[in-house]
Amino acid sequence: MKNLSLTVLLLAPLAAAAHAGHGAFTADHIGHYLTSPVHALPLGLLVALLAAVAIGYFRQRARARRLQLQAAKAEE
Protein backbone atom coordinates (compact mmCIF):
# COMPACT_ATOMS: atom_id res chain seq x y z
CA MET A 1 0.00 0.00 0.00
CA LYS A 2 2.91 2.34 0.70
CA ASN A 3 4.29 1.71 -2.79
CA LEU A 4 0.91 2.55 -4.32
CA SER A 5 0.72 5.80 -2.35
CA LEU A 6 4.24 6.73 -3.40
CA THR A 7 3.46 5.96 -7.04
CA VAL A 8 0.33 8.10 -6.95
CA LEU A 9 2.25 10.98 -5.39
CA LEU A 10 4.99 10.73 -7.99
CA LEU A 11 2.56 10.60 -10.91
CA ALA A 12 0.24 13.37 -9.67
CA PRO A 13 2.20 16.20 -11.35
CA LEU A 14 1.67 14.51 -14.72
CA ALA A 15 -2.09 14.87 -14.29
CA ALA A 16 -1.68 18.58 -13.61
CA ALA A 17 0.23 19.28 -16.82
CA ALA A 18 -1.37 21.87 -19.09
CA HIS A 19 -1.96 21.14 -22.76
CA ALA A 20 -2.71 23.25 -25.79
CA GLY A 21 -6.12 23.49 -27.44
CA HIS A 22 -9.48 22.41 -26.16
CA GLY A 23 -11.22 21.29 -29.35
CA ALA A 24 -14.98 21.72 -29.58
CA PHE A 25 -15.50 22.12 -25.84
CA THR A 26 -14.36 24.75 -23.37
CA ALA A 27 -11.96 23.67 -20.65
CA ASP A 28 -14.69 23.60 -18.00
CA HIS A 29 -17.15 21.50 -20.05
CA ILE A 30 -17.52 17.80 -19.15
CA GLY A 31 -17.24 16.91 -22.84
CA HIS A 32 -13.67 18.14 -22.81
CA TYR A 33 -12.74 15.61 -20.13
CA LEU A 34 -14.57 12.74 -21.80
CA THR A 35 -13.34 13.29 -25.37
CA SER A 36 -9.79 14.54 -24.92
CA PRO A 37 -7.30 11.63 -24.77
CA VAL A 38 -5.20 13.59 -22.28
CA HIS A 39 -8.11 13.38 -19.83
CA ALA A 40 -10.06 10.36 -21.01
CA LEU A 41 -7.18 7.87 -20.72
CA PRO A 42 -6.34 8.62 -17.06
CA LEU A 43 -10.05 8.77 -16.25
CA GLY A 44 -10.59 5.39 -17.89
CA LEU A 45 -7.62 3.92 -16.03
CA LEU A 46 -8.95 5.30 -12.75
CA VAL A 47 -12.39 3.78 -13.38
CA ALA A 48 -10.78 0.42 -14.26
CA LEU A 49 -8.64 0.53 -11.12
CA LEU A 50 -11.61 1.35 -8.91
CA ALA A 51 -13.65 -1.43 -10.52
CA ALA A 52 -10.82 -3.94 -9.97
CA VAL A 53 -10.48 -2.93 -6.32
CA ALA A 54 -14.24 -3.14 -5.78
CA ILE A 55 -14.48 -6.55 -7.46
CA GLY A 56 -11.58 -7.86 -5.37
CA TYR A 57 -13.11 -6.49 -2.19
CA PHE A 58 -16.52 -8.04 -2.81
CA ARG A 59 -15.02 -11.36 -3.88
CA GLN A 60 -12.98 -11.44 -0.68
CA ARG A 61 -16.05 -10.63 1.40
CA ALA A 62 -18.07 -13.34 -0.36
CA ARG A 63 -15.31 -15.89 0.18
CA ALA A 64 -15.03 -14.99 3.87
CA ARG A 65 -18.80 -15.29 4.23
CA ARG A 66 -18.79 -18.72 2.54
CA LEU A 67 -16.03 -19.91 4.86
CA GLN A 68 -17.95 -18.57 7.84
CA LEU A 69 -21.10 -20.44 6.77
CA GLN A 70 -19.12 -23.63 6.16
CA ALA A 71 -17.61 -23.39 9.64
CA ALA A 72 -21.05 -22.86 11.14
CA LYS A 73 -22.39 -25.94 9.32
CA ALA A 74 -19.42 -28.01 10.46
CA GLU A 75 -20.14 -27.12 14.10
CA GLU A 76 -23.73 -28.41 13.84
C-alpha atoms as a PDB file:
ATOM      1  CA  MET A   1       0.000   0.000   0.000  1.00  0.00           C
ATOM      2  CA  LYS A   2       2.906   2.341   0.704  1.00  0.00           C
ATOM      3  CA  ASN A   3       4.285   1.710  -2.788  1.00  0.00           C
ATOM      4  CA  LEU A   4       0.913   2.551  -4.322  1.00  0.00           C
ATOM      5  CA  SER A   5       0.718   5.799  -2.346  1.00  0.00           C
ATOM      6  CA  LEU A   6       4.238   6.734  -3.396  1.00  0.00           C
ATOM      7  CA  THR A   7       3.456   5.957  -7.039  1.00  0.00           C
ATOM      8  CA  VAL A   8       0.325   8.104  -6.955  1.00  0.00           C
ATOM      9  CA  LEU A   9       2.249  10.982  -5.389  1.00  0.00           C
ATOM     10  CA  LEU A  10       4.992  10.731  -7.989  1.00  0.00           C
ATOM     11  CA  LEU A  11       2.555  10.597 -10.913  1.00  0.00           C
ATOM     12  CA  ALA A  12       0.240  13.370  -9.666  1.00  0.00           C
ATOM     13  CA  PRO A  13       2.196  16.200 -11.350  1.00  0.00           C
ATOM     14  CA  LEU A  14       1.668  14.508 -14.721  1.00  0.00           C
ATOM     15  CA  ALA A  15      -2.089  14.867 -14.288  1.00  0.00           C
ATOM     16  CA  ALA A  16      -1.684  18.580 -13.607  1.00  0.00           C
ATOM     17  CA  ALA A  17       0.230  19.277 -16.818  1.00  0.00           C
ATOM     18  CA  ALA A  18      -1.367  21.873 -19.095  1.00  0.00           C
ATOM     19  CA  HIS A  19      -1.956  21.140 -22.762  1.00  0.00           C
ATOM     20  CA  ALA A  20      -2.709  23.252 -25.793  1.00  0.00           C
ATOM     21  CA  GLY A  21      -6.117  23.487 -27.436  1.00  0.00           C
ATOM     22  CA  HIS A  22      -9.479  22.411 -26.163  1.00  0.00           C
ATOM     23  CA  GLY A  23     -11.222  21.292 -29.354  1.00  0.00           C
ATOM     24  CA  ALA A  24     -14.977  21.720 -29.584  1.00  0.00           C
ATOM     25  CA  PHE A  25     -15.501  22.123 -25.839  1.00  0.00           C
ATOM     26  CA  THR A  26     -14.363  24.747 -23.372  1.00  0.00           C
ATOM     27  CA  ALA A  27     -11.958  23.670 -20.646  1.00  0.00           C
ATOM     28  CA  ASP A  28     -14.685  23.600 -17.996  1.00  0.00           C
ATOM     29  CA  HIS A  29     -17.146  21.497 -20.049  1.00  0.00           C
ATOM     30  CA  ILE A  30     -17.519  17.800 -19.145  1.00  0.00           C
ATOM     31  CA  GLY A  31     -17.245  16.909 -22.838  1.00  0.00           C
ATOM     32  CA  HIS A  32     -13.666  18.143 -22.809  1.00  0.00           C
ATOM     33  CA  TYR A  33     -12.736  15.609 -20.130  1.00  0.00           C
ATOM     34  CA  LEU A  34     -14.568  12.739 -21.798  1.00  0.00           C
ATOM     35  CA  THR A  35     -13.339  13.291 -25.369  1.00  0.00           C
ATOM     36  CA  SER A  36      -9.795  14.542 -24.918  1.00  0.00           C
ATOM     37  CA  PRO A  37      -7.298  11.630 -24.772  1.00  0.00           C
ATOM     38  CA  VAL A  38      -5.203  13.593 -22.276  1.00  0.00           C
ATOM     39  CA  HIS A  39      -8.110  13.383 -19.833  1.00  0.00           C
ATOM     40  CA  ALA A  40     -10.061  10.355 -21.013  1.00  0.00           C
ATOM     41  CA  LEU A  41      -7.184   7.871 -20.720  1.00  0.00           C
ATOM     42  CA  PRO A  42      -6.344   8.620 -17.064  1.00  0.00           C
ATOM     43  CA  LEU A  43     -10.051   8.774 -16.250  1.00  0.00           C
ATOM     44  CA  GLY A  44     -10.588   5.387 -17.887  1.00  0.00           C
ATOM     45  CA  LEU A  45      -7.624   3.917 -16.026  1.00  0.00           C
ATOM     46  CA  LEU A  46      -8.954   5.299 -12.748  1.00  0.00           C
ATOM     47  CA  VAL A  47     -12.387   3.785 -13.384  1.00  0.00           C
ATOM     48  CA  ALA A  48     -10.784   0.424 -14.260  1.00  0.00           C
ATOM     49  CA  LEU A  49      -8.636   0.525 -11.122  1.00  0.00           C
ATOM     50  CA  LEU A  50     -11.609   1.355  -8.907  1.00  0.00           C
ATOM     51  CA  ALA A  51     -13.647  -1.427 -10.523  1.00  0.00           C
ATOM     52  CA  ALA A  52     -10.820  -3.945  -9.968  1.00  0.00           C
ATOM     53  CA  VAL A  53     -10.476  -2.928  -6.318  1.00  0.00           C
ATOM     54  CA  ALA A  54     -14.241  -3.139  -5.778  1.00  0.00           C
ATOM     55  CA  ILE A  55     -14.479  -6.551  -7.455  1.00  0.00           C
ATOM     56  CA  GLY A  56     -11.580  -7.860  -5.373  1.00  0.00           C
ATOM     57  CA  TYR A  57     -13.112  -6.487  -2.186  1.00  0.00           C
ATOM     58  CA  PHE A  58     -16.520  -8.038  -2.811  1.00  0.00           C
ATOM     59  CA  ARG A  59     -15.024 -11.363  -3.877  1.00  0.00           C
ATOM     60  CA  GLN A  60     -12.978 -11.445  -0.681  1.00  0.00           C
ATOM     61  CA  ARG A  61     -16.053 -10.633   1.400  1.00  0.00           C
ATOM     62  CA  ALA A  62     -18.074 -13.344  -0.356  1.00  0.00           C
ATOM     63  CA  ARG A  63     -15.305 -15.895   0.184  1.00  0.00           C
ATOM     64  CA  ALA A  64     -15.029 -14.988   3.871  1.00  0.00           C
ATOM     65  CA  ARG A  65     -18.796 -15.287   4.227  1.00  0.00           C
ATOM     66  CA  ARG A  66     -18.792 -18.719   2.537  1.00  0.00           C
ATOM     67  CA  LEU A  67     -16.031 -19.914   4.863  1.00  0.00           C
ATOM     68  CA  GLN A  68     -17.953 -18.569   7.840  1.00  0.00           C
ATOM     69  CA  LEU A  69     -21.099 -20.439   6.765  1.00  0.00           C
ATOM     70  CA  GLN A  70     -19.118 -23.634   6.160  1.00  0.00           C
ATOM     71  CA  ALA A  71     -17.610 -23.392   9.638  1.00  0.00           C
ATOM     72  CA  ALA A  72     -21.045 -22.865  11.142  1.00  0.00           C
ATOM     73  CA  LYS A  73     -22.394 -25.939   9.320  1.00  0.00           C
ATOM     74  CA  ALA A  74     -19.416 -28.007  10.464  1.00  0.00           C
ATOM     75  CA  GLU A  75     -20.142 -27.119  14.104  1.00  0.00           C
ATOM     76  CA  GLU A  76     -23.732 -28.412  13.838  1.00  0.00           C
END
